[in-house]
């Protein structure tokens, strides 16, 4: 007759202890993996945001040009509007379709905690002009500030607002400072296309051909 063997209390305690150690190790590994994945995901999202901001600066700021268009009173006005926290401009764009032309029109501003771009293929004149495509460029934005470069007594100066109607042109360069809610600050500075005739490089200054 076979004798049925049962587990002793000591064996049960040892088995539970081993199982607890394995479960703790597995939980730690899973937690570390989750934390690592969260860090990777946050870094990836942050990198994508910076790439979008850099793309805006490269595409719109660098190719910005002066552009006049009739307003509601049929008065020809400069489309560019440079405010401390608002920017509207026209910029050169590659021609994808001859019917679309080679210009695009863009507005950038902060709405609550988002940096928002509004753009379309024909001029934006009035504030909150309809039929614009809206895109969130960055979230978690605490502060958005623009500054504009202009020539003063032969030197480059910066100001937080640019009166394009009085100047009849656009700034020589545009700077965009973005501060996020996590405390990170980034800046993007690009020279505009509309002032390429005004230039200096170290000790070298622009020259007018034919000048005696």
Foldseek 3Di string as FASTA:
>chain_A
DDDDDDDDPVVVVVVVVVVVVVVVVVVVVVVVVVVVVVVVVVVVVVVQLVVLVQCCCVFDFAFFWWDWDQDPVGDTATQFWAAFFKTKTKGFADPPDVVLDGIKIWMWGDDPFFIKIWIDSDGDHDPPDPPTDIDTSDGQWDDKTKKFWAADPNDIDIDRTDDCRVVVIGGQKMKMWTAGNVGDIDMDIHGYPHPPQFDADVVRGHDDPPDD
